Amino acid sequence: MKILVLHGPNLNLFGRRETAIYGLTTFADINRAIEEQARELGVEVEIFQSNHEGALLDKLHERIDDCDGCVINPGALTHYSIALHDCLKAVPFPTVEVHLSNVARREPFRHQSFVSPAAEGTIAGLGWRGYLLALRWLVESRQ
């Protein structure tokens, strides 16, 4: 089983960016935890981050035929990317949307997600562990 993990714009700054909201756990620490969980679950993960919408779309297109699921934290793309929504609807595998913060408790512009309607589910507000929950769900739901 192969799971694609996508991080959107500015998420490579976890641990440095707005630590009161996102915490002190670094981007590298999050990725290590994801890789460790994948080993424990016996699955392969490919982790990819980009600050560019098109690069995330291209990665989904590249993996359309050889992926079993996707965990995505689209960052700011959540709130305006119809292209990402359409791409997630086009891939044949399930996607789980993840946000470290509880976006419903933040600024009003963050309350709408264009990704949620294309995802099987959304995990928000549980910090970096949301990635691990999403990964576990994808693996267990596909067995």
C-alpha atoms as a PDB file:
ATOM      1  CA  MET A   1       0.000   0.000   0.000  1.00  0.00           C
ATOM      2  CA  LYS A   2       1.282   3.452  -0.934  1.00  0.00           C
ATOM      3  CA  ILE A   3       0.032   6.694   0.627  1.00  0.00           C
ATOM      4  CA  LEU A   4       0.844  10.157  -0.674  1.00  0.00           C
ATOM      5  CA  VAL A   5       1.275  12.880   1.971  1.00  0.00           C
ATOM      6  CA  LEU A   6       1.018  16.416   0.617  1.00  0.00           C
ATOM      7  CA  HIS A   7       1.906  19.603   2.482  1.00  0.00           C
ATOM      8  CA  GLY A   8       0.816  22.908   0.975  1.00  0.00           C
ATOM      9  CA  PRO A   9       2.247  26.436   1.047  1.00  0.00           C
ATOM     10  CA  ASN A  10       4.275  27.598   4.054  1.00  0.00           C
ATOM     11  CA  LEU A  11       3.893  24.304   5.896  1.00  0.00           C
ATOM     12  CA  ASN A  12       7.626  23.710   5.611  1.00  0.00           C
ATOM     13  CA  LEU A  13       7.822  26.475   8.253  1.00  0.00           C
ATOM     14  CA  PHE A  14       6.109  24.422  10.976  1.00  0.00           C
ATOM     15  CA  GLY A  15       8.015  24.907  14.212  1.00  0.00           C
ATOM     16  CA  ARG A  16       8.894  28.482  13.219  1.00  0.00           C
ATOM     17  CA  ARG A  17       5.633  29.927  11.892  1.00  0.00           C
ATOM     18  CA  GLU A  18       3.012  31.228  14.317  1.00  0.00           C
ATOM     19  CA  THR A  19       4.041  28.791  17.025  1.00  0.00           C
ATOM     20  CA  ALA A  20       1.156  29.850  19.252  1.00  0.00           C
ATOM     21  CA  ILE A  21      -1.170  28.375  16.630  1.00  0.00           C
ATOM     22  CA  TYR A  22       0.878  25.583  15.043  1.00  0.00           C
ATOM     23  CA  GLY A  23       3.199  24.600  17.881  1.00  0.00           C
ATOM     24  CA  LEU A  24       6.931  24.035  18.073  1.00  0.00           C
ATOM     25  CA  THR A  25       7.052  20.667  16.330  1.00  0.00           C
ATOM     26  CA  THR A  26       9.104  21.155  13.185  1.00  0.00           C
ATOM     27  CA  PHE A  27       8.234  20.137   9.656  1.00  0.00           C
ATOM     28  CA  ALA A  28      11.059  17.587   9.741  1.00  0.00           C
ATOM     29  CA  ASP A  29       9.740  16.163  13.036  1.00  0.00           C
ATOM     30  CA  ILE A  30       6.250  15.790  11.562  1.00  0.00           C
ATOM     31  CA  ASN A  31       7.603  13.987   8.515  1.00  0.00           C
ATOM     32  CA  ARG A  32       9.697  11.654  10.683  1.00  0.00           C
ATOM     33  CA  ALA A  33       6.611  10.785  12.737  1.00  0.00           C
ATOM     34  CA  ILE A  34       4.654  10.068   9.544  1.00  0.00           C
ATOM     35  CA  GLU A  35       7.439   7.841   8.217  1.00  0.00           C
ATOM     36  CA  GLU A  36       7.687   6.002  11.545  1.00  0.00           C
ATOM     37  CA  GLN A  37       3.928   5.386  11.627  1.00  0.00           C
ATOM     38  CA  ALA A  38       4.041   4.164   8.016  1.00  0.00           C
ATOM     39  CA  ARG A  39       6.752   1.627   8.927  1.00  0.00           C
ATOM     40  CA  GLU A  40       4.674   0.424  11.889  1.00  0.00           C
ATOM     41  CA  LEU A  41       1.630   0.050   9.620  1.00  0.00           C
ATOM     42  CA  GLY A  42       3.663  -1.676   6.897  1.00  0.00           C
ATOM     43  CA  VAL A  43       2.931   0.878   4.182  1.00  0.00           C
ATOM     44  CA  GLU A  44       4.987   3.122   1.967  1.00  0.00           C
ATOM     45  CA  VAL A  45       4.598   6.894   2.127  1.00  0.00           C
ATOM     46  CA  GLU A  46       5.741   9.548  -0.261  1.00  0.00           C
ATOM     47  CA  ILE A  47       5.922  12.963   1.385  1.00  0.00           C
ATOM     48  CA  PHE A  48       5.884  16.071  -0.767  1.00  0.00           C
ATOM     49  CA  GLN A  49       5.667  19.777   0.073  1.00  0.00           C
ATOM     50  CA  SER A  50       5.330  22.710  -2.247  1.00  0.00           C
ATOM     51  CA  ASN A  51       4.546  26.372  -2.008  1.00  0.00           C
ATOM     52  CA  HIS A  52       3.080  26.140  -5.514  1.00  0.00           C
ATOM     53  CA  GLU A  53      -0.434  24.952  -6.262  1.00  0.00           C
ATOM     54  CA  GLY A  54       0.538  23.506  -9.638  1.00  0.00           C
ATOM     55  CA  ALA A  55       3.290  21.361  -8.140  1.00  0.00           C
ATOM     56  CA  LEU A  56       0.778  19.726  -5.787  1.00  0.00           C
ATOM     57  CA  LEU A  57      -1.590  19.105  -8.702  1.00  0.00           C
ATOM     58  CA  ASP A  58       1.256  17.651 -10.760  1.00  0.00           C
ATOM     59  CA  LYS A  59       2.188  15.280  -7.917  1.00  0.00           C
ATOM     60  CA  LEU A  60      -1.392  14.021  -7.691  1.00  0.00           C
ATOM     61  CA  HIS A  61      -1.435  13.523 -11.472  1.00  0.00           C
ATOM     62  CA  GLU A  62       1.894  11.630 -11.317  1.00  0.00           C
ATOM     63  CA  ARG A  63       0.536   9.228  -8.688  1.00  0.00           C
ATOM     64  CA  ILE A  64      -2.974   8.775 -10.095  1.00  0.00           C
ATOM     65  CA  ASP A  65      -2.358   5.113 -10.980  1.00  0.00           C
ATOM     66  CA  ASP A  66      -0.020   3.986  -8.206  1.00  0.00           C
ATOM     67  CA  CYS A  67      -1.415   5.382  -4.986  1.00  0.00           C
ATOM     68  CA  ASP A  68      -3.901   3.974  -2.496  1.00  0.00           C
ATOM     69  CA  GLY A  69      -4.698   7.143  -0.578  1.00  0.00           C
ATOM     70  CA  CYS A  70      -3.677  10.707   0.150  1.00  0.00           C
ATOM     71  CA  VAL A  71      -3.245  12.753   3.298  1.00  0.00           C
ATOM     72  CA  ILE A  72      -3.247  16.447   2.460  1.00  0.00           C
ATOM     73  CA  ASN A  73      -2.781  19.611   4.431  1.00  0.00           C
ATOM     74  CA  PRO A  74      -3.440  22.155   1.708  1.00  0.00           C
ATOM     75  CA  GLY A  75      -2.614  25.166   3.882  1.00  0.00           C
ATOM     76  CA  ALA A  76      -4.042  28.378   2.443  1.00  0.00           C
ATOM     77  CA  LEU A  77      -5.071  26.541  -0.748  1.00  0.00           C
ATOM     78  CA  THR A  78      -7.881  25.091   1.351  1.00  0.00           C
ATOM     79  CA  HIS A  79      -9.832  28.314   1.090  1.00  0.00           C
ATOM     80  CA  TYR A  80      -9.599  29.109  -2.607  1.00  0.00           C
ATOM     81  CA  SER A  81      -8.264  26.274  -4.758  1.00  0.00           C
ATOM     82  CA  ILE A  82     -10.976  24.983  -7.025  1.00  0.00           C
ATOM     83  CA  ALA A  83      -8.201  23.381  -9.090  1.00  0.00           C
ATOM     84  CA  LEU A  84      -7.131  21.298  -6.081  1.00  0.00           C
ATOM     85  CA  HIS A  85     -10.766  20.380  -5.380  1.00  0.00           C
ATOM     86  CA  ASP A  86     -11.229  19.225  -8.973  1.00  0.00           C
ATOM     87  CA  CYS A  87      -7.997  17.237  -8.937  1.00  0.00           C
ATOM     88  CA  LEU A  88      -8.903  15.424  -5.714  1.00  0.00           C
ATOM     89  CA  LYS A  89     -12.282  14.547  -7.222  1.00  0.00           C
ATOM     90  CA  ALA A  90     -10.507  13.117 -10.286  1.00  0.00           C
ATOM     91  CA  VAL A  91      -8.111  10.744  -8.515  1.00  0.00           C
ATOM     92  CA  PRO A  92      -9.420   7.245  -7.797  1.00  0.00           C
ATOM     93  CA  PHE A  93      -8.112   7.023  -4.235  1.00  0.00           C
ATOM     94  CA  PRO A  94      -9.500   8.496  -0.995  1.00  0.00           C
ATOM     95  CA  THR A  95      -8.101  11.660   0.526  1.00  0.00           C
ATOM     96  CA  VAL A  96      -8.125  12.877   4.125  1.00  0.00           C
ATOM     97  CA  GLU A  97      -7.726  16.617   4.714  1.00  0.00           C
ATOM     98  CA  VAL A  98      -5.641  17.602   7.742  1.00  0.00           C
ATOM     99  CA  HIS A  99      -5.185  20.933   9.529  1.00  0.00           C
ATOM    100  CA  LEU A 100      -3.102  21.391  12.661  1.00  0.00           C
ATOM    101  CA  SER A 101      -5.321  24.171  13.955  1.00  0.00           C
ATOM    102  CA  ASN A 102      -9.077  24.164  14.374  1.00  0.00           C
ATOM    103  CA  VAL A 103      -9.911  26.317  11.369  1.00  0.00           C
ATOM    104  CA  ALA A 104     -13.509  26.755  12.581  1.00  0.00           C
ATOM    105  CA  ARG A 105     -12.167  28.732  15.556  1.00  0.00           C
ATOM    106  CA  ARG A 106     -10.035  31.029  13.436  1.00  0.00           C
ATOM    107  CA  GLU A 107     -10.644  33.932  11.060  1.00  0.00           C
ATOM    108  CA  PRO A 108     -13.911  33.764   9.107  1.00  0.00           C
ATOM    109  CA  PHE A 109     -12.125  33.394   5.747  1.00  0.00           C
ATOM    110  CA  ARG A 110     -10.701  30.079   7.009  1.00  0.00           C
ATOM    111  CA  HIS A 111     -14.149  28.610   7.670  1.00  0.00           C
ATOM    112  CA  GLN A 112     -14.745  27.570   4.058  1.00  0.00           C
ATOM    113  CA  SER A 113     -12.818  24.679   2.555  1.00  0.00           C
ATOM    114  CA  PHE A 114     -12.834  23.862  -1.131  1.00  0.00           C
ATOM    115  CA  VAL A 115     -10.990  20.641  -0.260  1.00  0.00           C
ATOM    116  CA  SER A 116     -13.450  19.178   2.262  1.00  0.00           C
ATOM    117  CA  PRO A 117     -16.149  18.313  -0.313  1.00  0.00           C
ATOM    118  CA  ALA A 118     -13.540  16.296  -2.252  1.00  0.00           C
ATOM    119  CA  ALA A 119     -12.164  14.491   0.813  1.00  0.00           C
ATOM    120  CA  GLU A 120     -13.424  11.420   2.638  1.00  0.00           C
ATOM    121  CA  GLY A 121     -12.927  13.271   5.899  1.00  0.00           C
ATOM    122  CA  THR A 122     -11.222  16.152   7.649  1.00  0.00           C
ATOM    123  CA  ILE A 123      -9.132  16.163  10.802  1.00  0.00           C
ATOM    124  CA  ALA A 124      -8.614  19.625  12.269  1.00  0.00           C
ATOM    125  CA  GLY A 125      -7.415  21.039  15.545  1.00  0.00           C
ATOM    126  CA  LEU A 126      -5.484  18.014  16.815  1.00  0.00           C
ATOM    127  CA  GLY A 127      -2.043  19.331  15.924  1.00  0.00           C
ATOM    128  CA  TRP A 128       0.528  17.321  13.981  1.00  0.00           C
ATOM    129  CA  ARG A 129      -0.957  14.065  15.253  1.00  0.00           C
ATOM    130  CA  GLY A 130      -3.824  14.621  12.811  1.00  0.00           C
ATOM    131  CA  TYR A 131      -1.489  13.392  10.068  1.00  0.00           C
ATOM    132  CA  LEU A 132      -0.991  10.115  11.951  1.00  0.00           C
ATOM    133  CA  LEU A 133      -4.723   9.669  12.499  1.00  0.00           C
ATOM    134  CA  ALA A 134      -5.378  10.276   8.807  1.00  0.00           C
ATOM    135  CA  LEU A 135      -2.675   7.809   7.772  1.00  0.00           C
ATOM    136  CA  ARG A 136      -3.996   5.133  10.129  1.00  0.00           C
ATOM    137  CA  TRP A 137      -7.562   5.629   8.890  1.00  0.00           C
ATOM    138  CA  LEU A 138      -6.533   5.347   5.240  1.00  0.00           C
ATOM    139  CA  VAL A 139      -4.631   2.130   5.893  1.00  0.00           C
ATOM    140  CA  GLU A 140      -7.309   0.525   8.032  1.00  0.00           C
ATOM    141  CA  SER A 141     -10.154   1.531   5.732  1.00  0.00           C
ATOM    142  CA  ARG A 142      -8.424  -0.022   2.713  1.00  0.00           C
ATOM    143  CA  GLN A 143      -7.728  -3.428   4.289  1.00  0.00           C
END
